[in-house]
Amino acid sequence: MKHFVGKAPAITTHSIGKAPPTETYTQVASFDEFVLYQGKPQADSQWITLKLAATGVRVHKANYWLAWNPETKELARGKNALMLKKYRPALCWRMLTWLHGIEPGVTR
């Protein structure tokens, strides 16, 4: 196995935001360069599927699949939620305040 000598090359990943299918998802909010979509509620679950998608190409992740429980006001601790919190904390905070109904000035 070969090892890098000196510094490893810089790795920058880019991805493009993709809206979910309109048959099952509705746009519910927009936060600057990201749009929040809500899936249709399931009769047998308290959780609602959300997709947070960029409006174009973004460095790192541009699409986040999330689950929200409106009764308990909880966001499921999945991989996408943890990545959103780590790499886009301001966006995560805006989305959570919107979900709690306390952020003014964001389209609903």
PDB file of N, CA and C in Angstrom:
ATOM      1  N   MET A   1       0.833  -1.162   0.000  1.00  0.00           N
ATOM      2  CA  MET A   1       0.000   0.000   0.000  1.00  0.00           C
ATOM      3  C   MET A   1       0.884   1.233   0.000  1.00  0.00           C
ATOM      4  N   LYS A   2       0.595   2.159  -0.897  1.00  0.00           N
ATOM      5  CA  LYS A   2       1.358   3.393  -0.958  1.00  0.00           C
ATOM      6  C   LYS A   2       0.766   4.413   0.004  1.00  0.00           C
ATOM      7  N   HIS A   3       1.628   5.221   0.554  1.00  0.00           N
ATOM      8  CA  HIS A   3       1.198   6.273   1.465  1.00  0.00           C
ATOM      9  C   HIS A   3       1.480   7.612   0.820  1.00  0.00           C
ATOM     10  N   PHE A   4       0.716   8.613   1.196  1.00  0.00           N
ATOM     11  CA  PHE A   4       0.969   9.961   0.695  1.00  0.00           C
ATOM     12  C   PHE A   4       2.262  10.478   1.290  1.00  0.00           C
ATOM     13  N   VAL A   5       3.016  11.192   0.483  1.00  0.00           N
ATOM     14  CA  VAL A   5       4.204  11.877   0.972  1.00  0.00           C
ATOM     15  C   VAL A   5       3.836  13.349   1.042  1.00  0.00           C
ATOM     16  N   GLY A   6       4.028  13.955   2.178  1.00  0.00           N
ATOM     17  CA  GLY A   6       3.641  15.351   2.330  1.00  0.00           C
ATOM     18  C   GLY A   6       2.148  15.455   2.594  1.00  0.00           C
ATOM     19  N   LYS A   7       1.569  16.520   2.079  1.00  0.00           N
ATOM     20  CA  LYS A   7       0.148  16.767   2.309  1.00  0.00           C
ATOM     21  C   LYS A   7      -0.726  15.956   1.360  1.00  0.00           C
ATOM     22  N   ALA A   8      -1.832  15.497   1.883  1.00  0.00           N
ATOM     23  CA  ALA A   8      -2.809  14.797   1.040  1.00  0.00           C
ATOM     24  C   ALA A   8      -3.494  15.821   0.143  1.00  0.00           C
ATOM     25  N   PRO A   9      -3.889  15.429  -1.054  1.00  0.00           N
ATOM     26  CA  PRO A   9      -4.576  16.370  -1.935  1.00  0.00           C
ATOM     27  C   PRO A   9      -5.893  16.825  -1.317  1.00  0.00           C
ATOM     28  N   ALA A  10      -6.229  18.066  -1.579  1.00  0.00           N
ATOM     29  CA  ALA A  10      -7.494  18.599  -1.067  1.00  0.00           C
ATOM     30  C   ALA A  10      -8.653  17.906  -1.775  1.00  0.00           C
ATOM     31  N   ILE A  11      -9.619  17.507  -1.008  1.00  0.00           N
ATOM     32  CA  ILE A  11     -10.795  16.847  -1.576  1.00  0.00           C
ATOM     33  C   ILE A  11     -12.003  17.740  -1.326  1.00  0.00           C
ATOM     34  N   THR A  12     -12.622  18.159  -2.384  1.00  0.00           N
ATOM     35  CA  THR A  12     -13.822  18.970  -2.283  1.00  0.00           C
ATOM     36  C   THR A  12     -14.919  18.253  -3.037  1.00  0.00           C
ATOM     37  N   THR A  13     -15.983  17.977  -2.344  1.00  0.00           N
ATOM     38  CA  THR A  13     -17.105  17.320  -3.002  1.00  0.00           C
ATOM     39  C   THR A  13     -18.213  18.333  -3.207  1.00  0.00           C
ATOM     40  N   HIS A  14     -18.873  18.212  -4.312  1.00  0.00           N
ATOM     41  CA  HIS A  14     -20.010  19.067  -4.626  1.00  0.00           C
ATOM     42  C   HIS A  14     -21.192  18.169  -4.943  1.00  0.00           C
ATOM     43  N   SER A  15     -22.352  18.605  -4.555  1.00  0.00           N
ATOM     44  CA  SER A  15     -23.559  17.870  -4.933  1.00  0.00           C
ATOM     45  C   SER A  15     -24.646  18.874  -5.281  1.00  0.00           C
ATOM     46  N   ILE A  16     -25.627  18.392  -5.999  1.00  0.00           N
ATOM     47  CA  ILE A  16     -26.700  19.261  -6.465  1.00  0.00           C
ATOM     48  C   ILE A  16     -27.984  18.927  -5.714  1.00  0.00           C
ATOM     49  N   GLY A  17     -28.715  19.957  -5.345  1.00  0.00           N
ATOM     50  CA  GLY A  17     -29.988  19.756  -4.671  1.00  0.00           C
ATOM     51  C   GLY A  17     -31.032  19.209  -5.638  1.00  0.00           C
ATOM     52  N   LYS A  18     -31.813  18.264  -5.157  1.00  0.00           N
ATOM     53  CA  LYS A  18     -32.856  17.657  -5.985  1.00  0.00           C
ATOM     54  C   LYS A  18     -34.173  17.658  -5.228  1.00  0.00           C
ATOM     55  N   ALA A  19     -35.169  18.243  -5.823  1.00  0.00           N
ATOM     56  CA  ALA A  19     -36.500  18.255  -5.212  1.00  0.00           C
ATOM     57  C   ALA A  19     -37.082  16.849  -5.235  1.00  0.00           C
ATOM     58  N   PRO A  20     -37.826  16.482  -4.196  1.00  0.00           N
ATOM     59  CA  PRO A  20     -38.466  15.166  -4.182  1.00  0.00           C
ATOM     60  C   PRO A  20     -39.670  15.151  -5.125  1.00  0.00           C
ATOM     61  N   PRO A  21     -40.243  13.991  -5.369  1.00  0.00           N
ATOM     62  CA  PRO A  21     -41.407  13.905  -6.261  1.00  0.00           C
ATOM     63  C   PRO A  21     -42.589  14.725  -5.746  1.00  0.00           C
ATOM     64  N   THR A  22     -43.199  15.496  -6.621  1.00  0.00           N
ATOM     65  CA  THR A  22     -44.315  16.366  -6.224  1.00  0.00           C
ATOM     66  C   THR A  22     -45.580  15.580  -5.879  1.00  0.00           C
ATOM     67  N   GLU A  23     -45.666  14.328  -6.298  1.00  0.00           N
ATOM     68  CA  GLU A  23     -46.840  13.518  -5.967  1.00  0.00           C
ATOM     69  C   GLU A  23     -46.906  13.207  -4.475  1.00  0.00           C
ATOM     70  N   THR A  24     -45.759  13.135  -3.828  1.00  0.00           N
ATOM     71  CA  THR A  24     -45.740  12.746  -2.421  1.00  0.00           C
ATOM     72  C   THR A  24     -45.150  13.803  -1.486  1.00  0.00           C
ATOM     73  N   TYR A  25     -44.608  14.877  -2.021  1.00  0.00           N
ATOM     74  CA  TYR A  25     -43.992  15.925  -1.197  1.00  0.00           C
ATOM     75  C   TYR A  25     -44.513  17.297  -1.589  1.00  0.00           C
ATOM     76  N   THR A  26     -44.608  18.180  -0.588  1.00  0.00           N
ATOM     77  CA  THR A  26     -45.061  19.547  -0.781  1.00  0.00           C
ATOM     78  C   THR A  26     -44.006  20.496  -0.235  1.00  0.00           C
ATOM     79  N   GLN A  27     -43.723  21.568  -0.975  1.00  0.00           N
ATOM     80  CA  GLN A  27     -42.793  22.579  -0.470  1.00  0.00           C
ATOM     81  C   GLN A  27     -43.481  23.344   0.652  1.00  0.00           C
ATOM     82  N   VAL A  28     -42.808  23.439   1.814  1.00  0.00           N
ATOM     83  CA  VAL A  28     -43.419  24.102   2.961  1.00  0.00           C
ATOM     84  C   VAL A  28     -42.656  25.339   3.426  1.00  0.00           C
ATOM     85  N   ALA A  29     -41.381  25.465   3.081  1.00  0.00           N
ATOM     86  CA  ALA A  29     -40.603  26.632   3.507  1.00  0.00           C
ATOM     87  C   ALA A  29     -39.371  26.764   2.623  1.00  0.00           C
ATOM     88  N   SER A  30     -38.807  27.974   2.615  1.00  0.00           N
ATOM     89  CA  SER A  30     -37.524  28.169   1.937  1.00  0.00           C
ATOM     90  C   SER A  30     -36.621  28.990   2.839  1.00  0.00           C
ATOM     91  N   PHE A  31     -35.365  28.603   2.870  1.00  0.00           N
ATOM     92  CA  PHE A  31     -34.354  29.249   3.696  1.00  0.00           C
ATOM     93  C   PHE A  31     -33.179  29.622   2.788  1.00  0.00           C
ATOM     94  N   ASP A  32     -33.194  30.814   2.244  1.00  0.00           N
ATOM     95  CA  ASP A  32     -32.140  31.286   1.353  1.00  0.00           C
ATOM     96  C   ASP A  32     -31.901  30.295   0.209  1.00  0.00           C
ATOM     97  N   GLU A  33     -30.870  29.485   0.306  1.00  0.00           N
ATOM     98  CA  GLU A  33     -30.492  28.594  -0.797  1.00  0.00           C
ATOM     99  C   GLU A  33     -30.952  27.152  -0.598  1.00  0.00           C
ATOM    100  N   PHE A  34     -31.850  26.926   0.357  1.00  0.00           N
ATOM    101  CA  PHE A  34     -32.387  25.592   0.603  1.00  0.00           C
ATOM    102  C   PHE A  34     -33.905  25.662   0.685  1.00  0.00           C
ATOM    103  N   VAL A  35     -34.563  24.587   0.282  1.00  0.00           N
ATOM    104  CA  VAL A  35     -36.021  24.492   0.320  1.00  0.00           C
ATOM    105  C   VAL A  35     -36.386  23.276   1.160  1.00  0.00           C
ATOM    106  N   LEU A  36     -37.407  23.430   2.009  1.00  0.00           N
ATOM    107  CA  LEU A  36     -37.876  22.345   2.857  1.00  0.00           C
ATOM    108  C   LEU A  36     -39.161  21.769   2.275  1.00  0.00           C
ATOM    109  N   TYR A  37     -39.172  20.457   2.097  1.00  0.00           N
ATOM    110  CA  TYR A  37     -40.332  19.735   1.581  1.00  0.00           C
ATOM    111  C   TYR A  37     -40.838  18.794   2.661  1.00  0.00           C
ATOM    112  N   GLN A  38     -42.152  18.609   2.690  1.00  0.00           N
ATOM    113  CA  GLN A  38     -42.781  17.710   3.656  1.00  0.00           C
ATOM    114  C   GLN A  38     -43.488  16.587   2.924  1.00  0.00           C
ATOM    115  N   GLY A  39     -43.236  15.358   3.387  1.00  0.00           N
ATOM    116  CA  GLY A  39     -43.910  14.207   2.816  1.00  0.00           C
ATOM    117  C   GLY A  39     -45.325  14.089   3.348  1.00  0.00           C
ATOM    118  N   LYS A  40     -46.126  13.315   2.668  1.00  0.00           N
ATOM    119  CA  LYS A  40     -47.499  13.089   3.130  1.00  0.00           C
ATOM    120  C   LYS A  40     -47.470  12.330   4.451  1.00  0.00           C
ATOM    121  N   PRO A  41     -48.302  12.742   5.411  1.00  0.00           N
ATOM    122  CA  PRO A  41     -48.349  12.032   6.701  1.00  0.00           C
ATOM    123  C   PRO A  41     -48.792  10.578   6.507  1.00  0.00           C
ATOM    124  N   GLN A  42     -48.222   9.719   7.313  1.00  0.00           N
ATOM    125  CA  GLN A  42     -48.590   8.305   7.300  1.00  0.00           C
ATOM    126  C   GLN A  42     -49.539   8.053   8.465  1.00  0.00           C
ATOM    127  N   ALA A  43     -50.620   7.342   8.221  1.00  0.00           N
ATOM    128  CA  ALA A  43     -51.636   7.094   9.248  1.00  0.00           C
ATOM    129  C   ALA A  43     -51.085   6.317  10.445  1.00  0.00           C
ATOM    130  N   ASP A  44     -50.097   5.472  10.216  1.00  0.00           N
ATOM    131  CA  ASP A  44     -49.580   4.613  11.280  1.00  0.00           C
ATOM    132  C   ASP A  44     -48.313   5.157  11.954  1.00  0.00           C
ATOM    133  N   SER A  45     -47.980   6.436  11.730  1.00  0.00           N
ATOM    134  CA  SER A  45     -46.755   6.992  12.304  1.00  0.00           C
ATOM    135  C   SER A  45     -46.961   8.433  12.751  1.00  0.00           C
ATOM    136  N   GLN A  46     -46.294   8.792  13.843  1.00  0.00           N
ATOM    137  CA  GLN A  46     -46.303  10.172  14.315  1.00  0.00           C
ATOM    138  C   GLN A  46     -45.259  11.008  13.577  1.00  0.00           C
ATOM    139  N   TRP A  47     -44.349  10.364  12.870  1.00  0.00           N
ATOM    140  CA  TRP A  47     -43.225  11.034  12.226  1.00  0.00           C
ATOM    141  C   TRP A  47     -43.581  11.456  10.808  1.00  0.00           C
ATOM    142  N   ILE A  48     -43.061  12.611  10.423  1.00  0.00           N
ATOM    143  CA  ILE A  48     -43.249  13.137   9.068  1.00  0.00           C
ATOM    144  C   ILE A  48     -41.882  13.188   8.400  1.00  0.00           C
ATOM    145  N   THR A  49     -41.811  12.699   7.176  1.00  0.00           N
ATOM    146  CA  THR A  49     -40.562  12.753   6.429  1.00  0.00           C
ATOM    147  C   THR A  49     -40.390  14.143   5.844  1.00  0.00           C
ATOM    148  N   LEU A  50     -39.181  14.682   6.009  1.00  0.00           N
ATOM    149  CA  LEU A  50     -38.828  15.982   5.451  1.00  0.00           C
ATOM    150  C   LEU A  50     -37.635  15.819   4.534  1.00  0.00           C
ATOM    151  N   LYS A  51     -37.569  16.665   3.524  1.00  0.00           N
ATOM    152  CA  LYS A  51     -36.371  16.730   2.695  1.00  0.00           C
ATOM    153  C   LYS A  51     -35.968  18.192   2.593  1.00  0.00           C
ATOM    154  N   LEU A  52     -34.726  18.456   2.939  1.00  0.00           N
ATOM    155  CA  LEU A  52     -34.149  19.785   2.823  1.00  0.00           C
ATOM    156  C   LEU A  52     -33.203  19.727   1.633  1.00  0.00           C
ATOM    157  N   ALA A  53     -33.533  20.450   0.568  1.00  0.00           N
ATOM    158  CA  ALA A  53     -32.767  20.362  -0.672  1.00  0.00           C
ATOM    159  C   ALA A  53     -32.238  21.731  -1.084  1.00  0.00           C
ATOM    160  N   ALA A  54     -30.992  21.757  -1.528  1.00  0.00           N
ATOM    161  CA  ALA A  54     -30.389  22.993  -2.023  1.00  0.00           C
ATOM    162  C   ALA A  54     -31.035  23.381  -3.346  1.00  0.00           C
ATOM    163  N   THR A  55     -30.986  24.662  -3.650  1.00  0.00           N
ATOM    164  CA  THR A  55     -31.543  25.149  -4.917  1.00  0.00           C
ATOM    165  C   THR A  55     -30.539  25.076  -6.050  1.00  0.00           C
ATOM    166  N   GLY A  56     -29.359  24.589  -5.784  1.00  0.00           N
ATOM    167  CA  GLY A  56     -28.322  24.461  -6.816  1.00  0.00           C
ATOM    168  C   GLY A  56     -27.201  23.578  -6.305  1.00  0.00           C
ATOM    169  N   VAL A  57     -26.004  23.770  -6.848  1.00  0.00           N
ATOM    170  CA  VAL A  57     -24.835  22.983  -6.458  1.00  0.00           C
ATOM    171  C   VAL A  57     -24.256  23.550  -5.165  1.00  0.00           C
ATOM    172  N   ARG A  58     -23.921  22.674  -4.231  1.00  0.00           N
ATOM    173  CA  ARG A  58     -23.342  23.077  -2.954  1.00  0.00           C
ATOM    174  C   ARG A  58     -22.125  22.221  -2.633  1.00  0.00           C
ATOM    175  N   VAL A  59     -21.208  22.802  -1.897  1.00  0.00           N
ATOM    176  CA  VAL A  59     -20.073  22.036  -1.389  1.00  0.00           C
ATOM    177  C   VAL A  59     -20.613  21.112  -0.309  1.00  0.00           C
ATOM    178  N   HIS A  60     -20.100  19.923  -0.275  1.00  0.00           N
ATOM    179  CA  HIS A  60     -20.549  18.880   0.653  1.00  0.00           C
ATOM    180  C   HIS A  60     -21.965  18.437   0.285  1.00  0.00           C
ATOM    181  N   LYS A  61     -22.804  18.281   1.257  1.00  0.00           N
ATOM    182  CA  LYS A  61     -24.133  17.705   1.052  1.00  0.00           C
ATOM    183  C   LYS A  61     -25.156  18.769   0.650  1.00  0.00           C
ATOM    184  N   ALA A  62     -25.988  18.449  -0.338  1.00  0.00           N
ATOM    185  CA  ALA A  62     -27.020  19.377  -0.815  1.00  0.00           C
ATOM    186  C   ALA A  62     -28.430  18.863  -0.549  1.00  0.00           C
ATOM    187  N   ASN A  63     -28.564  17.639  -0.064  1.00  0.00           N
ATOM    188  CA  ASN A  63     -29.865  17.029   0.200  1.00  0.00           C
ATOM    189  C   ASN A  63     -29.829  16.332   1.557  1.00  0.00           C
ATOM    190  N   TYR A  64     -30.809  16.639   2.379  1.00  0.00           N
ATOM    191  CA  TYR A  64     -30.899  16.040   3.711  1.00  0.00           C
ATOM    192  C   TYR A  64     -32.285  15.423   3.883  1.00  0.00           C
ATOM    193  N   TRP A  65     -32.323  14.118   4.155  1.00  0.00           N
ATOM    194  CA  TRP A  65     -33.577  13.433   4.462  1.00  0.00           C
ATOM    195  C   TRP A  65     -33.704  13.388   5.974  1.00  0.00           C
ATOM    196  N   LEU A  66     -34.825  13.898   6.490  1.00  0.00           N
ATOM    197  CA  LEU A  66     -35.017  14.047   7.921  1.00  0.00           C
ATOM    198  C   LEU A  66     -36.385  13.508   8.336  1.00  0.00           C
ATOM    199  N   ALA A  67     -36.564  13.318   9.641  1.00  0.00           N
ATOM    200  CA  ALA A  67     -37.860  12.908  10.186  1.00  0.00           C
ATOM    201  C   ALA A  67     -38.192  13.824  11.353  1.00  0.00           C
ATOM    202  N   TRP A  68     -39.433  14.323  11.364  1.00  0.00           N
ATOM    203  CA  TRP A  68     -39.888  15.280  12.370  1.00  0.00           C
ATOM    204  C   TRP A  68     -41.166  14.767  13.018  1.00  0.00           C
ATOM    205  N   ASN A  69     -41.207  14.867  14.340  1.00  0.00           N
ATOM    206  CA  ASN A  69     -42.409  14.499  15.079  1.00  0.00           C
ATOM    207  C   ASN A  69     -43.063  15.791  15.566  1.00  0.00           C
ATOM    208  N   PRO A  70     -44.157  16.233  14.929  1.00  0.00           N
ATOM    209  CA  PRO A  70     -44.778  17.494  15.320  1.00  0.00           C
ATOM    210  C   PRO A  70     -45.430  17.468  16.701  1.00  0.00           C
ATOM    211  N   GLU A  71     -45.781  16.290  17.199  1.00  0.00           N
ATOM    212  CA  GLU A  71     -46.405  16.199  18.520  1.00  0.00           C
ATOM    213  C   GLU A  71     -45.394  16.444  19.638  1.00  0.00           C
ATOM    214  N   THR A  72     -44.216  15.841  19.502  1.00  0.00           N
ATOM    215  CA  THR A  72     -43.187  15.981  20.542  1.00  0.00           C
ATOM    216  C   THR A  72     -42.155  17.055  20.192  1.00  0.00           C
ATOM    217  N   LYS A  73     -42.266  17.621  18.996  1.00  0.00           N
ATOM    218  CA  LYS A  73     -41.324  18.645  18.510  1.00  0.00           C
ATOM    219  C   LYS A  73     -39.888  18.121  18.493  1.00  0.00           C
ATOM    220  N   GLU A  74     -39.731  16.888  18.007  1.00  0.00           N
ATOM    221  CA  GLU A  74     -38.414  16.256  17.946  1.00  0.00           C
ATOM    222  C   GLU A  74     -37.993  16.011  16.506  1.00  0.00           C
ATOM    223  N   LEU A  75     -36.708  16.193  16.254  1.00  0.00           N
ATOM    224  CA  LEU A  75     -36.092  15.816  14.986  1.00  0.00           C
ATOM    225  C   LEU A  75     -35.344  14.515  15.249  1.00  0.00           C
ATOM    226  N   ALA A  76     -35.592  13.496  14.433  1.00  0.00           N
ATOM    227  CA  ALA A  76     -34.932  12.208  14.622  1.00  0.00           C
ATOM    228  C   ALA A  76     -33.424  12.371  14.461  1.00  0.00           C
ATOM    229  N   ARG A  77     -32.665  11.641  15.263  1.00  0.00           N
ATOM    230  CA  ARG A  77     -31.212  11.742  15.250  1.00  0.00           C
ATOM    231  C   ARG A  77     -30.598  10.784  14.236  1.00  0.00           C
ATOM    232  N   GLY A  78     -30.911  10.972  12.987  1.00  0.00           N
ATOM    233  CA  GLY A  78     -30.323  10.151  11.939  1.00  0.00           C
ATOM    234  C   GLY A  78     -29.036  10.770  11.422  1.00  0.00           C
ATOM    235  N   LYS A  79     -28.391  10.069  10.527  1.00  0.00           N
ATOM    236  CA  LYS A  79     -27.122  10.520   9.944  1.00  0.00           C
ATOM    237  C   LYS A  79     -27.276  11.891   9.284  1.00  0.00           C
ATOM    238  N   ASN A  80     -28.337  12.088   8.520  1.00  0.00           N
ATOM    239  CA  ASN A  80     -28.522  13.362   7.825  1.00  0.00           C
ATOM    240  C   ASN A  80     -28.727  14.513   8.801  1.00  0.00           C
ATOM    241  N   ALA A  81     -29.458  14.286   9.891  1.00  0.00           N
ATOM    242  CA  ALA A  81     -29.664  15.334  10.889  1.00  0.00           C
ATOM    243  C   ALA A  81     -28.349  15.712  11.555  1.00  0.00           C
ATOM    244  N   LEU A  82     -27.538  14.719  11.862  1.00  0.00           N
ATOM    245  CA  LEU A  82     -26.241  14.996  12.490  1.00  0.00           C
ATOM    246  C   LEU A  82     -25.306  15.737  11.529  1.00  0.00           C
ATOM    247  N   MET A  83     -25.334  15.381  10.252  1.00  0.00           N
ATOM    248  CA  MET A  83     -24.504  16.082   9.264  1.00  0.00           C
ATOM    249  C   MET A  83     -24.978  17.522   9.081  1.00  0.00           C
ATOM    250  N   LEU A  84     -26.289  17.724   9.068  1.00  0.00           N
ATOM    251  CA  LEU A  84     -26.839  19.071   8.950  1.00  0.00           C
ATOM    252  C   LEU A  84     -26.390  19.928  10.132  1.00  0.00           C
ATOM    253  N   LYS A  85     -26.473  19.376  11.322  1.00  0.00           N
ATOM    254  CA  LYS A  85     -26.067  20.104  12.530  1.00  0.00           C
ATOM    255  C   LYS A  85     -24.573  20.429  12.504  1.00  0.00           C
ATOM    256  N   LYS A  86     -23.767  19.505  12.037  1.00  0.00           N
ATOM    257  CA  LYS A  86     -22.311  19.702  12.043  1.00  0.00           C
ATOM    258  C   LYS A  86     -21.843  20.659  10.947  1.00  0.00           C
ATOM    259  N   TYR A  87     -22.323  20.464   9.717  1.00  0.00           N
ATOM    260  CA  TYR A  87     -21.787  21.216   8.588  1.00  0.00           C
ATOM    261  C   TYR A  87     -22.588  22.469   8.218  1.00  0.00           C
ATOM    262  N   ARG A  88     -23.840  22.540   8.622  1.00  0.00           N
ATOM    263  CA  ARG A  88     -24.665  23.715   8.325  1.00  0.00           C
ATOM    264  C   ARG A  88     -25.477  24.091   9.567  1.00  0.00           C
ATOM    265  N   PRO A  89     -24.787  24.461  10.659  1.00  0.00           N
ATOM    266  CA  PRO A  89     -25.491  24.730  11.913  1.00  0.00           C
ATOM    267  C   PRO A  89     -26.489  25.883  11.834  1.00  0.00           C
ATOM    268  N   ALA A  90     -26.182  26.937  11.099  1.00  0.00           N
ATOM    269  CA  ALA A  90     -27.113  28.062  10.987  1.00  0.00           C
ATOM    270  C   ALA A  90     -28.394  27.640  10.270  1.00  0.00           C
ATOM    271  N   LEU A  91     -28.250  26.856   9.208  1.00  0.00           N
ATOM    272  CA  LEU A  91     -29.409  26.354   8.471  1.00  0.00           C
ATOM    273  C   LEU A  91     -30.227  25.414   9.358  1.00  0.00           C
ATOM    274  N   CYS A  92     -29.550  24.567  10.102  1.00  0.00           N
ATOM    275  CA  CYS A  92     -30.226  23.641  11.016  1.00  0.00           C
ATOM    276  C   CYS A  92     -31.046  24.438  12.038  1.00  0.00           C
ATOM    277  N   TRP A  93     -30.451  25.471  12.606  1.00  0.00           N
ATOM    278  CA  TRP A  93     -31.151  26.292  13.596  1.00  0.00           C
ATOM    279  C   TRP A  93     -32.362  26.976  12.976  1.00  0.00           C
ATOM    280  N   ARG A  94     -32.214  27.539  11.772  1.00  0.00           N
ATOM    281  CA  ARG A  94     -33.347  28.197  11.107  1.00  0.00           C
ATOM    282  C   ARG A  94     -34.479  27.220  10.845  1.00  0.00           C
ATOM    283  N   MET A  95     -34.136  26.031  10.369  1.00  0.00           N
ATOM    284  CA  MET A  95     -35.168  25.041  10.081  1.00  0.00           C
ATOM    285  C   MET A  95     -35.883  24.620  11.362  1.00  0.00           C
ATOM    286  N   LEU A  96     -35.126  24.370  12.422  1.00  0.00           N
ATOM    287  CA  LEU A  96     -35.747  23.953  13.684  1.00  0.00           C
ATOM    288  C   LEU A  96     -36.622  25.047  14.278  1.00  0.00           C
ATOM    289  N   THR A  97     -36.190  26.289  14.219  1.00  0.00           N
ATOM    290  CA  THR A  97     -37.030  27.365  14.743  1.00  0.00           C
ATOM    291  C   THR A  97     -38.289  27.512  13.897  1.00  0.00           C
ATOM    292  N   TRP A  98     -38.172  27.292  12.597  1.00  0.00           N
ATOM    293  CA  TRP A  98     -39.361  27.333  11.740  1.00  0.00           C
ATOM    294  C   TRP A  98     -40.313  26.186  12.097  1.00  0.00           C
ATOM    295  N   LEU A  99     -39.768  24.986  12.277  1.00  0.00           N
ATOM    296  CA  LEU A  99     -40.600  23.839  12.636  1.00  0.00           C
ATOM    297  C   LEU A  99     -41.309  24.049  13.979  1.00  0.00           C
ATOM    298  N   HIS A 100     -40.664  24.751  14.886  1.00  0.00           N
ATOM    299  CA  HIS A 100     -41.280  25.061  16.177  1.00  0.00           C
ATOM    300  C   HIS A 100     -42.245  26.228  16.075  1.00  0.00           C
ATOM    301  N   GLY A 101     -42.275  26.873  14.911  1.00  0.00           N
ATOM    302  CA  GLY A 101     -43.200  27.978  14.701  1.00  0.00           C
ATOM    303  C   GLY A 101     -42.782  29.291  15.304  1.00  0.00           C
ATOM    304  N   ILE A 102     -41.469  29.497  15.510  1.00  0.00           N
ATOM    305  CA  ILE A 102     -41.032  30.725  16.160  1.00  0.00           C
ATOM    306  C   ILE A 102     -40.113  31.602  15.308  1.00  0.00           C
ATOM    307  N   GLU A 103     -39.863  31.222  14.054  1.00  0.00           N
ATOM    308  CA  GLU A 103     -39.000  32.078  13.231  1.00  0.00           C
ATOM    309  C   GLU A 103     -39.846  32.944  12.325  1.00  0.00           C
ATOM    310  N   PRO A 104     -39.787  34.252  12.511  1.00  0.00           N
ATOM    311  CA  PRO A 104     -40.515  35.158  11.616  1.00  0.00           C
ATOM    312  C   PRO A 104     -39.739  35.364  10.318  1.00  0.00           C
ATOM    313  N   GLY A 105     -40.439  35.795   9.298  1.00  0.00           N
ATOM    314  CA  GLY A 105     -39.782  36.185   8.052  1.00  0.00           C
ATOM    315  C   GLY A 105     -39.408  35.048   7.118  1.00  0.00           C
ATOM    316  N   VAL A 106     -39.816  33.844   7.414  1.00  0.00           N
ATOM    317  CA  VAL A 106     -39.540  32.708   6.528  1.00  0.00           C
ATOM    318  C   VAL A 106     -40.864  32.291   5.913  1.00  0.00           C
ATOM    319  N   THR A 107     -40.858  32.041   4.621  1.00  0.00           N
ATOM    320  CA  THR A 107     -42.099  31.684   3.956  1.00  0.00           C
ATOM    321  C   THR A 107     -42.656  30.385   4.505  1.00  0.00           C
ATOM    322  N   ARG A 108     -43.940  30.347   4.634  1.00  0.00           N
ATOM    323  CA  ARG A 108     -44.641  29.128   5.098  1.00  0.00           C
ATOM    324  C   ARG A 108     -45.602  28.685   4.051  1.00  0.00           C
TER     325      ARG A 108
END
